[in-house]
Protein backbone atom coordinates (compact mmCIF):
# COMPACT_ATOMS: atom_id res chain seq x y z
CA MET A 1 23.25 215.63 145.30
CA SER A 2 26.65 216.35 145.96
CA THR A 3 28.63 218.63 144.24
CA ALA A 4 32.37 217.57 145.34
CA ASN A 5 35.45 217.98 143.14
CA ALA A 6 32.93 218.93 139.91
CA THR A 7 35.25 221.27 139.08
CA GLU A 8 37.83 219.27 138.38
CA ASN A 9 35.29 216.94 136.20
CA ARG A 10 34.86 216.69 132.56
CA ARG A 11 31.87 214.78 132.32
CA TRP A 12 29.80 215.76 135.82
CA THR A 13 28.66 218.68 137.23
CA ARG A 14 27.08 216.66 140.20
CA ARG A 15 27.04 213.46 141.32
CA PRO A 16 24.88 210.93 142.98
CA ASP A 17 24.58 210.98 146.75
CA ASP A 18 26.73 208.39 148.77
CA SER A 19 28.60 208.33 146.04
CA THR A 20 32.54 208.31 145.75
CA TRP A 21 32.69 209.65 142.01
CA GLY A 22 35.47 211.84 141.67
CA ASP A 23 37.12 210.73 144.83
CA PHE A 24 40.19 208.71 143.12
CA GLY A 25 40.10 210.93 140.64
CA HIS A 26 37.96 212.75 137.25
CA ASP A 27 38.61 209.53 135.51
CA ASP A 28 39.45 207.05 138.06
CA GLN A 29 37.74 203.59 136.87
CA LEU A 30 38.53 201.25 139.84
CA GLY A 31 36.23 203.30 142.31
CA ARG A 32 37.31 201.67 145.71
CA LEU A 33 39.67 198.75 144.57
CA ASN A 34 41.71 202.08 145.02
CA LEU A 35 41.38 200.78 148.94
CA LEU A 36 43.22 197.88 147.95
CA THR A 37 46.33 199.17 149.13
CA PRO A 38 49.58 197.06 149.42
CA ARG A 39 48.99 197.45 153.36
CA LYS A 40 45.74 195.40 152.73
CA VAL A 41 47.59 192.75 150.93
CA LEU A 42 50.01 192.83 153.66
CA GLN A 43 47.64 192.51 156.40
CA GLY A 44 45.61 189.86 154.18
CA MET A 45 48.88 187.39 154.29
CA LEU A 46 49.05 187.84 158.33
CA GLU A 47 45.90 185.88 157.68
CA VAL A 48 47.88 183.02 156.69
CA ARG A 49 49.08 180.97 159.64
CA GLU A 50 48.53 177.10 158.18
CA GLY A 51 49.24 177.51 154.47
CA ARG A 52 45.88 175.51 153.72
CA THR A 53 43.72 176.61 150.53
CA PHE A 54 39.88 176.81 149.54
CA CYS A 55 38.26 177.03 146.17
CA LEU A 56 36.09 179.52 146.27
CA SER A 57 34.60 178.91 142.81
CA LEU A 58 31.58 176.62 141.82
CA PRO A 59 32.26 174.41 138.51
CA LEU A 60 31.64 176.87 136.41
CA ASP A 61 28.80 175.00 134.27
CA TYR A 62 26.91 174.90 137.45
CA PRO A 63 24.31 176.06 138.61
CA GLY A 64 23.17 174.17 135.29
CA GLY A 65 20.78 174.96 132.67
CA THR A 66 19.06 178.36 132.26
CA ALA A 67 16.32 178.26 135.16
CA MET A 68 18.03 181.07 137.32
CA ASN A 69 18.57 183.21 134.74
CA PRO A 70 17.14 182.47 130.67
CA ARG A 71 19.56 185.36 129.49
CA ARG A 72 22.64 183.24 130.77
CA GLN A 73 23.57 180.13 128.72
CA PRO A 74 25.95 177.02 130.33
CA PRO A 75 29.19 176.81 128.74
CA ARG A 76 29.48 175.00 125.62
CA LEU A 77 33.11 173.16 124.80
CA ALA A 78 34.30 172.11 121.14
CA PRO A 79 37.62 171.19 119.59
CA THR A 80 39.16 173.60 117.58
CA MET A 81 39.68 172.50 114.49
CA ARG A 82 42.44 171.04 111.92
CA GLY A 83 41.36 171.75 108.27
CA ASP A 84 38.19 169.80 108.37
CA LYS A 85 38.96 167.58 111.56
CA PRO A 86 38.13 168.56 114.95
CA ASN A 87 41.55 168.94 117.23
CA MET A 88 40.49 166.47 119.10
CA THR A 89 42.79 163.27 120.12
CA TYR A 90 44.09 164.13 117.18
CA PRO A 91 46.84 162.01 116.27
CA LEU A 92 49.72 164.17 114.18
CA SER A 93 50.50 160.82 112.72
CA ARG A 94 47.46 161.53 110.06
CA ASP A 95 50.07 164.40 109.32
CA ASP A 96 53.43 163.19 109.32
CA ALA A 97 53.91 159.13 109.81
CA ARG A 98 57.20 159.66 111.71
CA LEU A 99 55.37 161.81 114.46
CA THR A 100 54.23 160.45 117.93
CA ASP A 101 51.97 163.04 119.12
CA VAL A 102 48.48 163.17 119.86
CA THR A 103 46.50 166.66 120.57
CA CYS A 104 43.86 168.26 122.37
CA ASP A 105 42.92 171.18 121.79
CA ASP A 106 39.28 172.96 122.55
CA THR A 107 37.69 176.63 122.54
CA VAL A 108 35.07 177.38 124.54
CA HIS A 109 31.60 179.18 124.36
CA LEU A 110 31.52 181.06 128.23
CA THR A 111 28.58 183.34 129.39
CA LEU A 112 30.47 185.58 131.69
CA GLN A 113 28.10 186.02 134.35
CA TYR A 114 26.76 182.36 134.37
CA SER A 115 28.54 180.71 137.48
CA THR A 116 30.81 182.05 139.96
CA GLN A 117 31.12 186.02 138.68
CA TRP A 118 32.48 189.27 139.53
CA ASP A 119 30.49 192.09 138.50
CA SER A 120 32.63 195.29 137.35
CA LEU A 121 31.37 198.61 137.71
CA ALA A 122 30.59 198.63 133.89
CA HIS A 123 27.59 195.62 135.12
CA MET A 124 24.87 198.21 135.92
CA GLY A 125 24.16 202.13 135.48
CA GLN A 126 21.35 204.22 136.22
CA TRP A 127 19.43 207.26 134.43
CA PHE A 128 20.63 210.55 136.35
CA ASP A 129 21.00 214.07 135.51
CA ALA A 130 25.10 214.34 135.81
CA SER A 131 24.75 218.51 134.62
CA GLY A 132 21.76 219.84 136.37
CA THR A 133 20.36 220.84 132.92
CA GLY A 134 17.03 218.41 134.14
CA ASN A 135 17.66 216.09 131.33
CA PRO A 136 18.93 212.80 132.89
CA GLU A 137 21.13 210.67 131.05
CA MET A 138 21.87 206.64 131.05
CA LEU A 139 25.54 206.56 132.95
CA PHE A 140 27.53 205.01 134.83
CA TYR A 141 29.90 204.99 137.58
CA ASN A 142 31.91 208.58 137.97
CA GLY A 143 29.86 209.66 134.97
CA PHE A 144 30.78 207.36 131.91
CA ARG A 145 28.43 207.49 129.63
CA ALA A 146 26.32 204.53 127.72
CA GLY A 147 26.64 204.80 124.28
CA GLU A 148 30.19 206.54 124.71
CA ASP A 149 31.81 204.92 127.45
CA VAL A 150 29.87 201.90 127.15
CA VAL A 151 28.66 201.13 124.12
CA GLY A 152 25.75 198.40 122.97
CA PRO A 153 25.07 197.43 119.22
CA LEU A 154 21.88 199.60 119.65
CA ASP A 155 21.86 203.17 121.33
CA TYR A 156 18.69 202.98 123.40
CA ARG A 157 19.89 206.66 124.10
CA GLN A 158 17.33 207.56 121.51
CA PRO A 159 13.66 208.36 120.90
CA GLY A 160 12.09 206.20 119.19
CA GLU A 161 13.29 202.54 117.71
CA PRO A 162 17.03 201.87 118.69
CA SER A 163 19.85 203.13 115.78
CA THR A 164 22.75 201.03 115.12
CA HIS A 165 25.82 201.31 117.66
CA ARG A 166 29.06 200.18 117.33
CA ALA A 167 30.58 196.70 118.39
CA PRO A 168 29.50 196.23 121.89
CA ARG A 169 32.13 196.71 124.85
CA ALA A 170 32.99 198.80 127.72
CA GLU A 171 35.37 201.57 126.66
CA LYS A 172 35.23 202.65 130.11
CA LEU A 173 35.07 200.28 133.52
CA GLY A 174 35.60 197.16 131.88
CA ILE A 175 36.85 193.99 133.84
CA GLU A 176 40.83 194.23 132.90
CA ASN A 177 40.66 197.03 134.91
CA MET A 178 39.89 195.09 137.99
CA ALA A 179 42.43 192.49 136.68
CA VAL A 180 45.68 193.93 136.66
CA THR A 181 45.42 195.36 140.25
CA CYS A 182 45.37 191.16 141.00
CA VAL A 183 42.49 191.51 144.02
CA GLN A 184 44.25 190.44 146.77
CA GLY A 185 43.74 191.48 150.62
CA ARG A 186 41.77 190.80 153.47
CA GLY A 187 38.43 188.89 153.23
CA VAL A 188 36.10 188.70 156.02
CA MET A 189 33.74 186.22 156.51
CA ILE A 190 29.58 186.67 157.89
CA ASP A 191 28.44 183.58 158.44
CA LEU A 192 24.39 183.93 157.77
CA LYS A 193 23.64 180.68 157.70
CA ARG A 194 25.16 179.57 161.16
CA GLN A 195 23.47 182.96 162.66
CA PHE A 196 19.85 182.27 161.21
CA GLY A 197 19.39 178.95 159.21
CA THR A 198 18.32 178.60 155.34
CA ALA A 199 14.93 180.19 155.35
CA GLN A 200 14.43 183.36 154.02
CA LEU A 201 15.23 186.40 155.28
CA ALA A 202 16.00 189.56 154.16
CA VAL A 203 19.03 190.99 155.64
CA GLY A 204 19.24 194.28 156.78
CA TYR A 205 21.93 196.30 159.61
CA ARG A 206 19.91 194.91 162.12
CA GLU A 207 20.22 191.39 161.61
CA LEU A 208 24.06 192.05 159.77
CA LYS A 209 25.42 193.63 163.23
CA GLU A 210 23.38 190.37 165.34
CA ALA A 211 25.58 188.50 163.12
CA MET A 212 29.24 189.90 162.93
CA ASP A 213 28.58 190.38 166.75
CA ALA A 214 27.94 186.98 168.04
CA GLN A 215 30.78 185.83 165.39
CA GLN A 216 33.12 188.71 166.61
CA VAL A 217 33.38 189.76 163.11
CA VAL A 218 35.46 192.80 162.64
CA VAL A 219 35.46 194.41 158.84
CA GLU A 220 38.09 197.25 158.00
CA PRO A 221 38.23 199.59 154.94
CA GLY A 222 39.72 198.07 152.60
CA ASP A 223 38.20 194.82 153.55
CA MET A 224 36.28 191.83 150.98
CA VAL A 225 33.44 190.86 152.77
CA CYS A 226 31.87 187.30 152.02
CA LEU A 227 28.46 186.23 152.67
CA ARG A 228 27.45 182.69 153.39
CA THR A 229 24.14 181.32 152.89
CA GLY A 230 23.89 177.86 151.93
CA VAL A 231 22.90 178.47 148.58
CA ASP A 232 25.95 177.63 147.16
CA GLU A 233 25.33 174.14 148.68
CA ALA A 234 21.89 173.39 147.78
CA LEU A 235 23.50 173.89 144.24
CA LEU A 236 26.01 171.12 144.71
CA GLU A 237 23.32 169.14 145.86
CA MET A 238 21.27 169.52 142.76
CA ARG A 239 24.00 168.22 140.65
CA GLY A 240 23.38 171.16 137.68
CA ALA A 241 20.22 170.91 137.74
CA PRO A 242 18.27 173.50 139.84
CA ASP A 243 15.01 172.96 141.59
CA MET A 244 13.94 176.69 141.94
CA THR A 245 11.10 175.74 143.91
CA ARG A 246 13.43 175.01 146.44
CA LEU A 247 15.45 177.80 145.95
CA GLN A 248 12.63 180.09 145.84
CA GLY A 249 11.39 180.90 149.48
CA ARG A 250 14.61 180.30 151.41
CA PHE A 251 17.92 181.45 152.10
CA ALA A 252 19.11 184.79 153.84
CA ALA A 253 20.06 188.02 151.07
CA LEU A 254 20.78 191.80 151.83
CA ASP A 255 17.81 193.83 151.94
CA GLY A 256 19.41 196.89 149.51
CA ARG A 257 16.67 199.36 150.40
CA ASP A 258 17.21 199.03 154.34
CA GLU A 259 18.74 202.56 155.00
CA PRO A 260 21.32 201.44 157.85
CA LEU A 261 22.28 198.67 156.08
CA ARG A 262 23.01 201.21 153.27
CA ARG A 263 24.82 203.53 155.93
CA TRP A 264 27.15 200.79 156.67
CA ILE A 265 28.10 200.70 153.07
CA VAL A 266 28.52 203.36 152.68
CA GLU A 267 30.89 204.27 155.99
CA SER A 268 33.01 200.70 155.83
CA GLY A 269 35.22 201.05 153.18
CA ILE A 270 35.09 197.71 152.01
CA VAL A 271 36.16 197.20 148.58
CA ALA A 272 33.68 194.26 147.61
CA LEU A 273 30.26 192.33 148.67
CA ILE A 274 30.53 188.66 147.86
CA ALA A 275 28.22 185.94 148.56
CA ASP A 276 26.84 182.11 147.53
CA ASN A 277 24.33 183.36 146.34
CA ALA A 278 22.41 184.58 142.83
CA ALA A 279 22.74 188.36 143.32
CA VAL A 280 24.31 189.64 146.86
CA GLU A 281 20.67 191.08 147.40
CA MET A 282 17.41 190.11 147.94
CA LEU A 283 15.34 189.90 144.89
CA PRO A 284 12.86 191.39 143.75
CA ALA A 285 13.83 194.35 146.46
CA ALA A 286 11.10 195.36 148.70
CA PRO A 287 8.52 197.77 147.69
CA THR A 288 9.08 201.14 147.34
CA THR A 289 7.18 204.56 147.46
CA ASN A 290 9.28 206.78 145.64
CA GLU A 291 7.97 208.56 142.27
CA ARG A 292 11.15 206.61 140.33
CA TYR A 293 13.66 203.85 141.93
CA ALA A 294 16.40 201.54 140.37
CA SER A 295 15.37 197.74 140.75
CA HIS A 296 18.61 196.43 142.24
CA PRO A 297 19.18 198.58 144.85
CA LEU A 298 22.30 197.34 146.12
CA HIS A 299 23.93 197.23 142.64
CA ASP A 300 23.05 200.88 142.29
CA LEU A 301 24.46 201.88 145.51
CA CYS A 302 27.59 199.41 145.53
CA LEU A 303 28.40 199.26 141.20
CA PHE A 304 26.64 202.86 140.15
CA ARG A 305 27.70 205.04 143.33
CA LEU A 306 30.19 203.91 145.51
CA GLY A 307 32.64 201.52 143.54
CA VAL A 308 32.13 198.98 145.61
CA TYR A 309 32.61 195.23 143.64
CA LEU A 310 29.62 192.33 143.71
CA GLY A 311 30.92 188.70 143.80
CA GLU A 312 27.91 186.37 143.06
CA LEU A 313 27.46 182.48 143.24
CA TRP A 314 30.75 181.68 145.28
CA HIS A 315 31.62 178.43 146.78
CA LEU A 316 31.69 179.98 150.46
CA SER A 317 30.53 177.12 152.59
CA GLU A 318 33.61 174.82 152.87
CA LEU A 319 35.56 177.62 153.95
CA ALA A 320 32.80 178.93 156.14
CA ASP A 321 32.95 175.90 158.33
CA TRP A 322 36.87 175.90 158.42
CA LEU A 323 36.65 179.60 159.44
CA GLY A 324 33.80 178.15 162.71
CA GLU A 325 35.23 175.35 163.43
CA HIS A 326 38.42 177.43 164.18
CA GLY A 327 37.32 180.40 166.09
CA ARG A 328 38.66 182.50 162.56
CA ASN A 329 36.71 185.04 160.44
CA SER A 330 39.61 185.85 158.33
CA PHE A 331 42.09 184.95 155.15
CA LEU A 332 44.00 186.00 152.32
CA LEU A 333 41.74 186.05 149.24
CA THR A 334 43.34 185.94 146.24
CA ALA A 335 40.42 186.92 143.43
CA PRO A 336 41.93 188.61 139.91
CA PRO A 337 38.96 188.26 137.20
CA LEU A 338 40.41 187.66 133.37
CA ARG A 339 41.69 190.09 131.70
CA LEU A 340 39.12 190.31 129.27
CA PRO A 341 39.47 193.92 127.70
CA GLY A 342 35.59 195.19 127.62
CA ALA A 343 33.94 192.80 128.88
CA VAL A 344 31.33 194.40 132.00
CA GLY A 345 31.55 190.96 134.07
CA SER A 346 33.83 187.50 134.43
CA PRO A 347 34.16 184.16 135.70
CA VAL A 348 36.46 183.84 138.62
CA THR A 349 38.39 180.46 140.71
CA PRO A 350 39.23 182.28 144.06
CA VAL A 351 41.58 181.47 146.51
CA ALA A 352 40.84 181.53 149.96
CA THR A 353 44.46 181.19 152.09
CA VAL A 354 44.49 180.69 155.67
């Protein structure tokens, strides 16, 4: 375990292997977004040659239903109320006969990670002994603590039955930190479907390098890497009724336990990994002989250790096809999440400009 920058830090004296904890400051909440500098924004803008734009979001009521994740419900729209009347196609002449306006106003109950989304650095943490005492704690990126910095209505740190806690929110590492950076820079497409088709494939570094070499993809520090697998096309074809028998056992996804792939993510300096599938990585992950292990190894490496953001269920196929037809693989990507304080994830309507 590394002890870099520990003397400056108030929360930890040991940091996980392959982490950036403390590299951007002991109170940093952005992780590798710090590498999305003005120079990287300008580099992304140099990719704009035609002024053509692509919407990289699925409709936010996709995939549809709860088959892909029973904990995440589709959005529910409803009108606001004007007194006891729904405020939808409401004629203001009901209140004043002289008025000619007809008004509509609505609200939404939205699961923030139901459809095209960003995971914040508060989305997934790990048990880790950051103090070297032999007592692991529930921690998030840069040593922020569960129950103090990221809190829930129940305190699962306590032995026995969880105790009542305060209002759930990410006091640190919330998605609003990402939003204020505007998340704009150079996006790079790696088209796994073009290289391997839609058969199920756990993509390690060997397969990723094969696709990058074949497509002449160059990834640089500060880039946001997009992985097209074809899942987005399948979901759109299913029209809001995902057929899990067609989705399971197909498509490529990253092998989060592949050590050469993990080393590439560490050394590449990328800001984000983005895919059109539901987790970026293959789940369930490959078996391991370790006594204790992360069920989502890529989430552990990216969100907990490195501060690399994960984008899931993006609509990448239209852009990937256009880039392939024009012999290109990079573009300007603009993808700020909702500036919603305390949220641990957010829907996003990303825009690619070529």
